[in-house]
Each structure stands twice: as structure tokens, then as C-alpha cells.
Amino acid sequence: MAMVSAILLAAGESRRMSGDFKPLMKWGTRTVIGACIDNLKRSRVDEIVVVLGFRESEIRARLAGAGVQFAINREYSKGMLSSLKTGLPLISPSCEGVLVALVDQPMVGPDVINPLVVSYGDYDKKISVPTFEGKHGHPIIISRDFEEEIMRLDDNHPEGLKAIINAHRNEIQEVPVESNAILEDIDSPEDYARLVAQVPSFYDSHRWTP
């Protein structure tokens, strides 16, 4: 199986959350970012890099003992592409694919991540995209072969990472999954209220819970 590293993008200011800071909002017994990390740790990714920016020292203190690498994006105001470019240099040289995970999606669990990871490398394609009922979602896995192309993109490119995906649509492998979580994200207080209401109140005691 190909080595896949995860980069969790969590550097932004949560400007659309009406004063709440998304990564540290409650998600069941955990925080949003804690749930994202827990999902990745329970999946089959080989390593995890978490990119922080806004209030990074506060988050790092909360995540002590998480067993992940941290990358700090001092220019987080430039957006997610700048965070991805901050995280890429930290992943292992042996990594073949990069799973780009979003802190907006604490509901995306191993049931989504593992089919992407396991199937990556089974196809002669360099981009794996999950689908639910024919619709594309997130997270995606993108080949390390595109790293230089990503690093050359302007941080303010209007399409961001989509510019790479759109330029290489012939390299996309669709991976059907059985969860509509790939189509959801926390982008507003209303999204948060709707999605957090679906979180089970109980988590297994052996799980790491920041």
C-alpha cells in the first residue's frame, strides 16, 4: 500500500463563525480540531502534520501529547493554499500521496478516510476524490508528484488547490464512499449547530480526547 501522509489545515481565523474560534469549539466530548486529529489517528494514514496559524500557541497547548507534527503558517491570512504549502515540507520523503484534510470537517471519520488511503496506488491515477451519490467531496489525496507545481502557485490564486486538480482532471480517480460527510463542512454558526447535534455523546474511553 502506498504511503499516505495527512496534512490537516487549521490555520484560519474562523471569520464567519460570529466570534467563535472553530478549532476549539466543542464537538461532543472533544474539540473540533481534536475530533479531526482523532479521526486521522484512527485511520490508515501514515503520519499527520497539523498546520496552525491564528492562535497557534493556544491550540498547541491544548493538543499537547497528540502525537502529531505541527507546522506554523505565519501568513495564514493568505488562505488555505498557503497553509498547504507550509505543511508539505514537513512530510516524509517516502510519502507518495498527501491527504488534504480540513478542520471544517470533524465529521469525516475513518469510514471515509480509509477507502481513500487503501485504494490510493491501486489505480494509475494521481488524485483520489471521494464521491457520495455521484457528488465530489473532501478530503482528497493528491500525489507528491504535484508538490513543486503546488509550491509554485501564488498564495492568492483564486482557485487555490483546485487549479492543480482542474489542470489534471484526467488524473482523477473517483472513490465512492457511504457517507455524506464528505459534502458537509462547518462554514457558519448554523452549520455548526446542525452538525454538532448529530455527534454521539459517548466516545470510547481509549480514544485520545483533548
Protein backbone atom coordinates (compact mmCIF):
# COMPACT_ATOMS: atom_id res chain seq x y z
CA MET A 1 0.00 0.00 0.00
CA ALA A 2 1.30 3.46 -0.88
CA MET A 3 2.46 5.69 1.98
CA VAL A 4 -0.06 8.47 2.55
CA SER A 5 0.57 11.45 4.82
CA ALA A 6 -2.21 13.70 6.11
CA ILE A 7 -1.98 17.48 6.28
CA LEU A 8 -4.72 18.98 8.44
CA LEU A 9 -5.35 22.63 7.58
CA ALA A 10 -6.33 24.55 10.73
CA ALA A 11 -4.66 27.95 10.49
CA GLY A 12 -7.56 30.29 9.73
CA GLU A 13 -9.35 32.88 11.84
CA SER A 14 -12.90 31.46 11.65
CA ARG A 15 -14.16 34.83 10.47
CA ARG A 16 -17.61 33.52 9.53
CA MET A 17 -18.26 31.96 12.95
CA SER A 18 -19.62 35.10 14.67
CA GLY A 19 -16.78 35.38 17.16
CA ASP A 20 -16.34 31.68 17.94
CA PHE A 21 -13.00 30.03 17.15
CA LYS A 22 -13.82 26.92 15.14
CA PRO A 23 -10.91 24.61 16.08
CA LEU A 24 -11.62 24.93 19.81
CA MET A 25 -15.40 24.72 19.65
CA LYS A 26 -16.95 21.72 21.39
CA TRP A 27 -17.56 18.58 19.35
CA GLY A 28 -19.16 16.02 21.61
CA THR A 29 -16.65 15.33 24.38
CA ARG A 30 -13.84 16.89 22.37
CA THR A 31 -12.95 19.97 20.38
CA VAL A 32 -13.44 20.28 16.64
CA ILE A 33 -9.71 20.03 15.96
CA GLY A 34 -9.38 17.22 18.48
CA ALA A 35 -12.05 15.25 16.63
CA CYS A 36 -10.27 15.83 13.31
CA ILE A 37 -6.98 14.57 14.72
CA ASP A 38 -8.66 11.59 16.38
CA ASN A 39 -10.27 10.62 13.07
CA LEU A 40 -6.90 10.77 11.32
CA LYS A 41 -5.13 8.83 14.09
CA ARG A 42 -7.73 6.05 13.86
CA SER A 43 -7.36 5.89 10.09
CA ARG A 44 -4.66 4.30 7.96
CA VAL A 45 -2.69 7.44 7.15
CA ASP A 46 1.00 7.02 7.97
CA GLU A 47 1.69 10.42 9.53
CA ILE A 48 -0.14 13.61 10.43
CA VAL A 49 1.00 17.21 10.02
CA VAL A 50 -1.26 19.88 11.53
CA VAL A 51 -0.89 23.39 10.11
CA LEU A 52 -1.71 26.12 12.62
CA GLY A 53 -1.65 29.91 12.40
CA PHE A 54 -4.19 32.08 14.22
CA ARG A 55 -3.97 31.45 18.00
CA GLU A 56 -1.45 28.69 17.32
CA SER A 57 0.14 28.70 20.79
CA GLU A 58 -3.26 28.20 22.42
CA ILE A 59 -4.10 25.28 20.15
CA ARG A 60 -0.69 23.65 20.62
CA ALA A 61 -1.14 23.80 24.38
CA ARG A 62 -4.49 22.05 24.06
CA LEU A 63 -3.01 19.42 21.75
CA ALA A 64 -0.02 18.50 23.92
CA GLY A 65 0.54 14.77 23.59
CA ALA A 66 -1.44 14.43 20.39
CA GLY A 67 1.42 12.67 18.62
CA VAL A 68 1.34 14.84 15.52
CA GLN A 69 3.75 17.25 13.86
CA PHE A 70 2.95 20.95 13.81
CA ALA A 71 3.71 23.45 11.06
CA ILE A 72 3.13 27.14 11.73
CA ASN A 73 1.82 29.35 8.93
CA ARG A 74 2.69 32.93 9.88
CA GLU A 75 0.86 34.17 6.78
CA TYR A 76 -2.38 32.32 7.47
CA SER A 77 -4.42 35.31 6.29
CA LYS A 78 -3.44 34.35 2.73
CA GLY A 79 -5.68 31.29 2.91
CA MET A 80 -5.62 27.50 2.74
CA LEU A 81 -3.16 27.21 -0.14
CA SER A 82 -0.51 28.99 1.93
CA SER A 83 -1.18 26.51 4.75
CA LEU A 84 -0.82 23.51 2.46
CA LYS A 85 2.47 24.93 1.20
CA THR A 86 3.59 25.36 4.81
CA GLY A 87 2.84 21.73 5.65
CA LEU A 88 4.27 20.00 2.58
CA PRO A 89 7.98 20.37 3.51
CA LEU A 90 7.39 18.51 6.79
CA ILE A 91 6.04 15.27 5.37
CA SER A 92 8.24 12.22 4.98
CA PRO A 93 10.37 11.89 1.82
CA SER A 94 8.85 8.40 1.47
CA CYS A 95 5.33 9.80 1.20
CA GLU A 96 3.63 9.11 -2.13
CA GLY A 97 0.25 10.72 -1.55
CA VAL A 98 -0.98 13.63 0.58
CA LEU A 99 -4.43 13.57 2.14
CA VAL A 100 -5.54 17.20 2.43
CA ALA A 101 -7.85 17.36 5.46
CA LEU A 102 -9.86 20.36 6.64
CA VAL A 103 -10.60 21.40 10.22
CA ASP A 104 -14.06 22.27 8.88
CA GLN A 105 -14.86 18.54 8.70
CA PRO A 106 -14.69 16.85 12.12
CA MET A 107 -17.46 14.53 10.95
CA VAL A 108 -15.20 12.84 8.37
CA GLY A 109 -14.05 9.61 10.00
CA PRO A 110 -12.04 6.52 9.11
CA ASP A 111 -15.05 5.18 7.19
CA VAL A 112 -14.26 7.87 4.61
CA ILE A 113 -10.51 8.20 5.00
CA ASN A 114 -9.59 4.51 4.85
CA PRO A 115 -11.17 3.72 1.46
CA LEU A 116 -9.24 6.66 0.02
CA VAL A 117 -5.95 5.57 1.59
CA VAL A 118 -6.31 1.87 0.83
CA SER A 119 -7.28 2.43 -2.80
CA TYR A 120 -4.61 5.06 -3.44
CA GLY A 121 -1.93 3.49 -5.57
CA ASP A 122 -4.26 0.76 -6.83
CA TYR A 123 -5.11 2.93 -9.82
CA ASP A 124 -2.94 4.60 -12.41
CA LYS A 125 -4.19 7.99 -11.21
CA LYS A 126 -2.60 10.74 -9.11
CA ILE A 127 -5.66 12.34 -7.49
CA SER A 128 -8.23 10.44 -5.42
CA VAL A 129 -11.57 12.16 -4.79
CA PRO A 130 -14.34 10.71 -2.60
CA THR A 131 -17.85 10.66 -4.01
CA PHE A 132 -21.28 10.26 -2.44
CA GLU A 133 -24.20 9.67 -4.78
CA GLY A 134 -22.03 10.91 -7.63
CA LYS A 135 -21.01 14.17 -5.95
CA HIS A 136 -17.35 15.03 -5.30
CA GLY A 137 -16.32 15.92 -1.76
CA HIS A 138 -13.39 16.23 0.66
CA PRO A 139 -10.83 15.22 1.77
CA ILE A 140 -8.82 14.36 -1.31
CA ILE A 141 -5.49 12.63 -1.82
CA ILE A 142 -3.08 14.24 -4.24
CA SER A 143 0.20 12.79 -5.48
CA ARG A 144 3.50 14.05 -4.14
CA ASP A 145 4.40 14.45 -7.82
CA PHE A 146 2.44 17.71 -7.79
CA GLU A 147 4.38 19.23 -4.89
CA GLU A 148 6.57 21.52 -7.00
CA GLU A 149 3.57 22.65 -9.01
CA ILE A 150 1.69 23.45 -5.80
CA MET A 151 4.64 25.34 -4.32
CA ARG A 152 4.85 27.50 -7.46
CA LEU A 153 1.21 28.60 -7.21
CA ASP A 154 0.61 32.10 -5.92
CA ASP A 155 -0.88 32.02 -2.41
CA ASN A 156 -3.65 34.31 -3.64
CA HIS A 157 -4.55 32.19 -6.66
CA PRO A 158 -8.35 32.42 -6.95
CA GLU A 159 -8.75 28.65 -7.39
CA GLY A 160 -6.17 27.54 -4.84
CA LEU A 161 -5.54 23.79 -4.97
CA LYS A 162 -8.43 23.44 -7.42
CA ALA A 163 -6.11 24.95 -10.03
CA ILE A 164 -3.97 21.81 -9.86
CA ILE A 165 -6.97 19.50 -9.87
CA ASN A 166 -8.60 21.27 -12.81
CA ALA A 167 -5.34 21.16 -14.75
CA HIS A 168 -5.08 17.39 -14.26
CA ARG A 169 -8.67 16.18 -14.45
CA ASN A 170 -7.52 13.13 -16.40
CA GLU A 171 -5.65 12.07 -13.26
CA ILE A 172 -8.75 11.96 -11.03
CA GLN A 173 -9.86 8.63 -9.57
CA GLU A 174 -13.31 8.74 -8.00
CA VAL A 175 -13.68 6.67 -4.82
CA PRO A 176 -17.31 6.04 -3.77
CA VAL A 177 -17.91 6.20 0.00
CA GLU A 178 -21.02 5.59 2.08
CA SER A 179 -21.07 8.87 3.98
CA ASN A 180 -22.44 12.25 3.01
CA ALA A 181 -19.96 13.79 5.48
CA ILE A 182 -17.68 14.46 2.52
CA LEU A 183 -20.21 17.03 1.29
CA GLU A 184 -20.56 18.83 4.65
CA ASP A 185 -18.40 21.41 6.38
CA ILE A 186 -18.65 23.89 9.23
CA ASP A 187 -18.74 27.22 7.45
CA SER A 188 -21.19 29.13 9.63
CA PRO A 189 -22.78 29.06 13.11
CA GLU A 190 -25.83 27.45 11.51
CA ASP A 191 -23.70 24.66 10.01
CA TYR A 192 -22.10 24.06 13.40
CA ALA A 193 -25.43 23.89 15.25
CA ARG A 194 -26.87 21.46 12.71
CA LEU A 195 -23.85 19.16 12.55
CA VAL A 196 -22.85 19.12 16.22
CA ALA A 197 -26.38 17.98 17.08
CA GLN A 198 -25.60 14.76 15.20
CA VAL A 199 -22.48 13.94 17.25
CA PRO A 200 -22.82 10.89 19.52
CA SER A 201 -22.46 11.94 23.16
CA PHE A 202 -20.32 8.91 24.04
CA TYR A 203 -16.80 8.13 22.83
CA ASP A 204 -14.79 5.03 23.63
CA SER A 205 -12.65 5.65 26.68
CA HIS A 206 -9.45 4.51 24.94
CA ARG A 207 -9.55 7.34 22.42
CA TRP A 208 -7.33 10.36 22.88
CA THR A 209 -9.59 13.29 23.83
CA PRO A 210 -8.10 16.80 24.02
